[in-house]
C-alpha cells in the first residue's frame, strides 16, 4: 500500500465508523465491523479498483451479512439500508454507492427507490430536539414532523433538555453538540440517559471529531446542514436499532 493510499485510508476511517455504527445500531458492534473490514482490505488486493472509502463501505456490508445475516432481510433489506445510508448520511453519489456494493447503477437505482418507499412505513416516535439556535431548531422541528414523528419538546440549553426529557420521556433524542452558552449537548444527553433510555442522534458540523473509535462515542451522527432524507434514514436506523424488531 502506497503512502498516498494510507493517507486516504486514514481519512476514510471516520466515515467508515459512522456508516458501520448507523448500519448496525451501536458503536461497539459497528467498530468491530470496521476492524474486520480494515483487516480484509489490508490483506486483499481485489478491492484496489475502488477508493479506500468505497472499499471499506462494501466490506462493511459483507461483514454485516456474515456476522448478522439473520438481520439482513428484517425490515428494509440490508442492501437497501446500505444504499440509503451511503447516499444520504455518507453523501455518496448513486454511482459511487453502486461500485462500493458491487452492483450496477441501474440495480442501485431500483433498490434505492424501494428503500425510500419502505421509509414511509417507519414506526413513528416522539422526538426531543436539543438545539441552541431557535431558527435552526424550527427547521429541525419541521423536518422531524415531515418524517412523520411527533415533537416531545425543543430545548435550547442543557438544563432545559434534562428537564424536558424527564417530563416527556421521548422515544428519540436529536441533539446538537455545541449549545453555546447553554451548556454541552453530549453532557445533556449523558445526564438524560442515566434515567431514561432512548436512541440518540447527534448533529454536528464536524462529524470526524466524534468518530475516532478511541472513546465512548455516538452511534448516530449526522452532519450540519442536512437534508430531509438524511434525517429520515438516521431516525429509521436509530429507532429500529439498525433492524426492525419482529
Protein backbone atom coordinates (compact mmCIF):
# COMPACT_ATOMS: atom_id res chain seq x y z
CA UNK A 1 0.00 0.00 0.00
CA UNK A 2 1.42 3.39 -1.01
CA UNK A 3 1.78 6.34 1.36
CA UNK A 4 -0.96 8.15 -0.57
CA UNK A 5 -3.33 5.21 -0.13
CA UNK A 6 -2.50 5.04 3.58
CA UNK A 7 -3.38 8.72 3.93
CA UNK A 8 -6.64 8.14 2.07
CA UNK A 9 -7.41 5.20 4.34
CA UNK A 10 -6.83 7.29 7.46
CA UNK A 11 -9.19 9.95 6.10
CA UNK A 12 -11.78 7.29 5.25
CA UNK A 13 -11.87 5.63 8.68
CA UNK A 14 -14.11 8.16 10.50
CA UNK A 15 -16.73 7.86 7.77
CA UNK A 16 -16.47 4.07 7.76
CA UNK A 17 -17.11 4.17 11.52
CA UNK A 18 -20.14 6.42 11.07
CA UNK A 19 -21.56 4.18 8.34
CA UNK A 20 -20.96 0.97 10.31
CA UNK A 21 -22.45 2.33 13.53
CA UNK A 22 -25.56 3.55 11.75
CA UNK A 23 -25.86 0.27 9.85
CA UNK A 24 -25.82 -1.94 12.96
CA UNK A 25 -27.20 0.48 15.55
CA UNK A 26 -24.40 0.86 18.08
CA UNK A 27 -20.79 1.97 18.41
CA UNK A 28 -19.22 -1.23 19.71
CA UNK A 29 -20.59 -3.58 17.06
CA UNK A 30 -20.01 -1.04 14.31
CA UNK A 31 -16.39 -0.52 15.29
CA UNK A 32 -15.88 -4.28 15.41
CA UNK A 33 -17.10 -4.50 11.83
CA UNK A 34 -14.70 -1.71 10.84
CA UNK A 35 -11.79 -3.69 12.31
CA UNK A 36 -12.82 -6.76 10.30
CA UNK A 37 -13.24 -4.75 7.09
CA UNK A 38 -9.96 -2.92 7.56
CA UNK A 39 -8.05 -6.16 8.07
CA UNK A 40 -9.56 -7.66 4.93
CA UNK A 41 -8.81 -4.54 2.91
CA UNK A 42 -5.19 -4.54 4.00
CA UNK A 43 -4.81 -8.22 3.09
CA UNK A 44 -6.83 -8.32 -0.14
CA UNK A 45 -5.69 -6.66 -3.38
CA UNK A 46 -9.02 -7.39 -5.05
CA UNK A 47 -10.52 -4.03 -3.97
CA UNK A 48 -7.74 -1.91 -5.45
CA UNK A 49 -10.06 -0.68 -8.20
CA UNK A 50 -12.00 1.24 -5.53
CA UNK A 51 -11.03 4.12 -3.30
CA UNK A 52 -10.31 3.09 0.32
CA UNK A 53 -13.58 4.68 1.39
CA UNK A 54 -15.60 2.81 -1.24
CA UNK A 55 -13.83 -0.45 -0.46
CA UNK A 56 -14.49 -0.11 3.26
CA UNK A 57 -18.17 0.58 2.68
CA UNK A 58 -18.52 -2.59 0.60
CA UNK A 59 -16.55 -4.73 3.02
CA UNK A 60 -18.60 -3.46 5.95
CA UNK A 61 -21.82 -4.60 4.29
CA UNK A 62 -20.25 -8.01 3.60
CA UNK A 63 -19.04 -8.28 7.19
CA UNK A 64 -22.51 -7.40 8.45
CA UNK A 65 -24.01 -10.12 6.29
CA UNK A 66 -21.54 -12.71 7.56
CA UNK A 67 -21.98 -11.86 11.24
CA UNK A 68 -25.60 -10.76 11.39
CA UNK A 69 -27.16 -12.49 8.40
CA UNK A 70 -30.42 -13.14 10.25
CA UNK A 71 -30.98 -9.36 10.43
CA UNK A 72 -30.15 -8.67 6.80
CA UNK A 73 -33.70 -9.05 5.50
CA UNK A 74 -35.62 -7.78 8.54
CA UNK A 75 -37.43 -4.51 7.87
CA UNK A 76 -35.75 -2.74 4.97
CA UNK A 77 -33.32 -5.30 3.45
CA UNK A 78 -29.63 -4.82 4.13
CA UNK A 79 -28.56 -3.66 0.66
CA UNK A 80 -31.40 -1.14 0.55
CA UNK A 81 -30.48 0.15 4.01
CA UNK A 82 -26.86 0.43 2.91
CA UNK A 83 -27.83 2.45 -0.16
CA UNK A 84 -29.96 4.79 1.94
CA UNK A 85 -27.08 5.40 4.31
CA UNK A 86 -24.47 5.77 1.58
CA UNK A 87 -26.44 8.27 -0.48
CA UNK A 88 -27.80 10.32 2.42
CA UNK A 89 -25.71 10.01 5.57
CA UNK A 90 -22.41 9.50 3.70
CA UNK A 91 -23.36 11.81 0.82
CA UNK A 92 -22.07 9.40 -1.83
CA UNK A 93 -23.35 9.51 -5.39
CA UNK A 94 -25.54 6.68 -6.63
CA UNK A 95 -22.75 5.52 -8.92
CA UNK A 96 -20.14 5.53 -6.14
CA UNK A 97 -22.53 3.66 -3.83
CA UNK A 98 -23.22 1.07 -6.52
CA UNK A 99 -19.50 0.49 -7.06
CA UNK A 100 -18.93 0.08 -3.34
CA UNK A 101 -21.63 -2.61 -3.18
CA UNK A 102 -20.58 -4.30 -6.40
CA UNK A 103 -23.81 -3.69 -8.32
CA UNK A 104 -24.76 -1.69 -11.40
CA UNK A 105 -26.10 1.84 -11.32
CA UNK A 106 -29.42 0.54 -12.61
CA UNK A 107 -29.68 -2.07 -9.85
CA UNK A 108 -28.77 0.53 -7.25
CA UNK A 109 -31.44 2.93 -8.54
CA UNK A 110 -34.15 0.27 -8.30
CA UNK A 111 -33.07 -0.79 -4.80
CA UNK A 112 -32.82 2.79 -3.58
CA UNK A 113 -36.33 3.60 -4.78
CA UNK A 114 -37.66 0.54 -2.94
CA UNK A 115 -35.80 1.63 0.20
CA UNK A 116 -37.27 5.13 0.08
CA UNK A 117 -40.73 3.68 -0.31
CA UNK A 118 -40.03 1.48 2.71
CA UNK A 119 -39.25 4.51 4.84
CA UNK A 120 -42.85 5.62 4.51
CA UNK A 121 -43.86 2.77 6.79
CA UNK A 122 -41.43 3.73 9.55
CA UNK A 123 -42.67 3.46 13.12
CA UNK A 124 -43.41 6.91 14.47
CA UNK A 125 -41.99 8.15 17.75
CA UNK A 126 -41.69 11.31 19.85
CA UNK A 127 -38.54 13.37 19.40
CA UNK A 128 -36.78 15.71 21.82
CA UNK A 129 -34.77 18.35 19.94
CA UNK A 130 -31.78 19.90 21.72
CA UNK A 131 -30.57 22.93 19.74
CA UNK A 132 -29.49 26.35 21.00
CA UNK A 133 -30.23 28.29 17.78
CA UNK A 134 -34.03 28.97 17.63
CA UNK A 135 -34.20 29.25 13.84
CA UNK A 136 -32.24 26.02 13.33
CA UNK A 137 -34.43 24.34 15.95
CA UNK A 138 -37.53 25.38 13.99
CA UNK A 139 -36.07 23.96 10.78
CA UNK A 140 -35.22 20.68 12.51
CA UNK A 141 -38.69 20.52 14.04
CA UNK A 142 -40.20 20.91 10.57
CA UNK A 143 -38.01 18.11 9.18
CA UNK A 144 -38.84 15.80 12.10
CA UNK A 145 -42.56 16.36 11.60
CA UNK A 146 -42.22 15.78 7.86
CA UNK A 147 -40.61 12.44 8.70
CA UNK A 148 -43.83 11.53 10.49
CA UNK A 149 -42.64 11.95 14.08
CA UNK A 150 -44.12 13.92 16.96
CA UNK A 151 -42.22 16.64 18.82
CA UNK A 152 -41.78 15.86 22.51
CA UNK A 153 -40.20 19.27 23.06
CA UNK A 154 -37.47 21.68 21.99
CA UNK A 155 -34.70 22.54 24.46
CA UNK A 156 -32.18 25.33 23.93
CA UNK A 157 -29.98 24.61 26.98
CA UNK A 158 -28.57 21.60 28.77
CA UNK A 159 -30.74 22.23 31.83
CA UNK A 160 -33.91 22.57 29.75
CA UNK A 161 -33.09 19.37 27.87
CA UNK A 162 -32.75 17.34 31.07
CA UNK A 163 -35.98 18.77 32.47
CA UNK A 164 -37.94 18.20 29.24
CA UNK A 165 -36.69 14.63 28.89
CA UNK A 166 -37.78 13.84 32.45
CA UNK A 167 -41.21 15.27 31.71
CA UNK A 168 -41.88 13.90 28.21
CA UNK A 169 -39.92 10.59 28.05
CA UNK A 170 -39.05 10.95 24.34
CA UNK A 171 -38.63 7.97 22.04
CA UNK A 172 -35.67 9.63 20.28
CA UNK A 173 -33.25 12.45 21.11
CA UNK A 174 -31.86 14.69 18.37
CA UNK A 175 -29.08 16.79 19.88
CA UNK A 176 -26.68 19.46 18.74
CA UNK A 177 -23.29 19.07 20.39
CA UNK A 178 -22.42 22.73 20.91
CA UNK A 179 -25.13 24.60 22.81
CA UNK A 180 -23.15 27.83 23.06
CA UNK A 181 -23.56 29.39 26.47
CA UNK A 182 -26.33 26.94 27.31
CA UNK A 183 -24.07 24.01 28.05
CA UNK A 184 -22.97 20.90 26.20
CA UNK A 185 -25.24 18.65 24.13
CA UNK A 186 -23.31 15.47 24.85
CA UNK A 187 -23.35 16.17 28.57
CA UNK A 188 -27.08 16.85 28.41
CA UNK A 189 -27.66 13.51 26.70
CA UNK A 190 -25.41 11.75 29.20
CA UNK A 191 -27.47 13.12 32.07
CA UNK A 192 -30.73 12.15 30.37
CA UNK A 193 -29.61 8.59 29.69
CA UNK A 194 -28.90 7.97 33.37
CA UNK A 195 -32.64 7.76 33.99
CA UNK A 196 -34.24 7.39 30.55
CA UNK A 197 -33.22 5.04 27.75
CA UNK A 198 -33.68 6.34 24.20
CA UNK A 199 -31.72 6.29 20.94
CA UNK A 200 -29.74 9.45 20.22
CA UNK A 201 -28.72 11.20 17.01
CA UNK A 202 -26.04 13.86 17.36
CA UNK A 203 -25.84 16.75 14.91
CA UNK A 204 -22.51 18.46 14.23
CA UNK A 205 -20.64 20.33 11.53
CA UNK A 206 -17.51 18.27 12.33
CA UNK A 207 -18.53 14.57 12.49
CA UNK A 208 -14.97 13.27 12.11
CA UNK A 209 -14.13 14.63 15.57
CA UNK A 210 -16.64 12.21 17.10
CA UNK A 211 -15.62 9.14 15.14
CA UNK A 212 -12.13 8.28 16.34
CA UNK A 213 -13.07 4.91 17.83
CA UNK A 214 -10.96 5.69 20.89
CA UNK A 215 -13.66 6.52 23.48
CA UNK A 216 -17.38 6.07 24.09
CA UNK A 217 -18.89 7.88 21.14
CA UNK A 218 -22.29 8.35 19.46
CA UNK A 219 -23.82 5.56 17.42
CA UNK A 220 -25.60 8.03 15.12
CA UNK A 221 -24.03 11.24 13.82
CA UNK A 222 -25.31 13.46 11.02
CA UNK A 223 -23.60 16.47 9.51
CA UNK A 224 -24.90 20.04 9.51
CA UNK A 225 -26.55 21.13 7.31
CA UNK A 226 -28.53 18.01 6.42
CA UNK A 227 -31.31 17.09 4.01
CA UNK A 228 -34.72 15.64 4.95
CA UNK A 229 -33.76 12.22 3.59
CA UNK A 230 -30.65 12.15 5.80
CA UNK A 231 -32.78 12.73 8.87
CA UNK A 232 -35.37 10.19 7.74
CA UNK A 233 -32.73 7.49 7.28
CA UNK A 234 -30.96 8.30 10.55
CA UNK A 235 -34.19 8.26 12.55
CA UNK A 236 -35.20 4.94 10.96
CA UNK A 237 -31.90 3.34 11.94
CA UNK A 238 -31.90 4.90 15.40
CA UNK A 239 -35.48 3.96 16.24
CA UNK A 240 -35.10 0.39 14.96
CA UNK A 241 -31.57 -0.09 16.26
CA UNK A 242 -30.31 -0.90 12.78
CA UNK A 243 -33.02 -3.56 12.22
CA UNK A 244 -36.76 -3.70 12.64
CA UNK A 245 -37.96 -5.76 15.63
CA UNK A 246 -40.40 -8.56 14.81
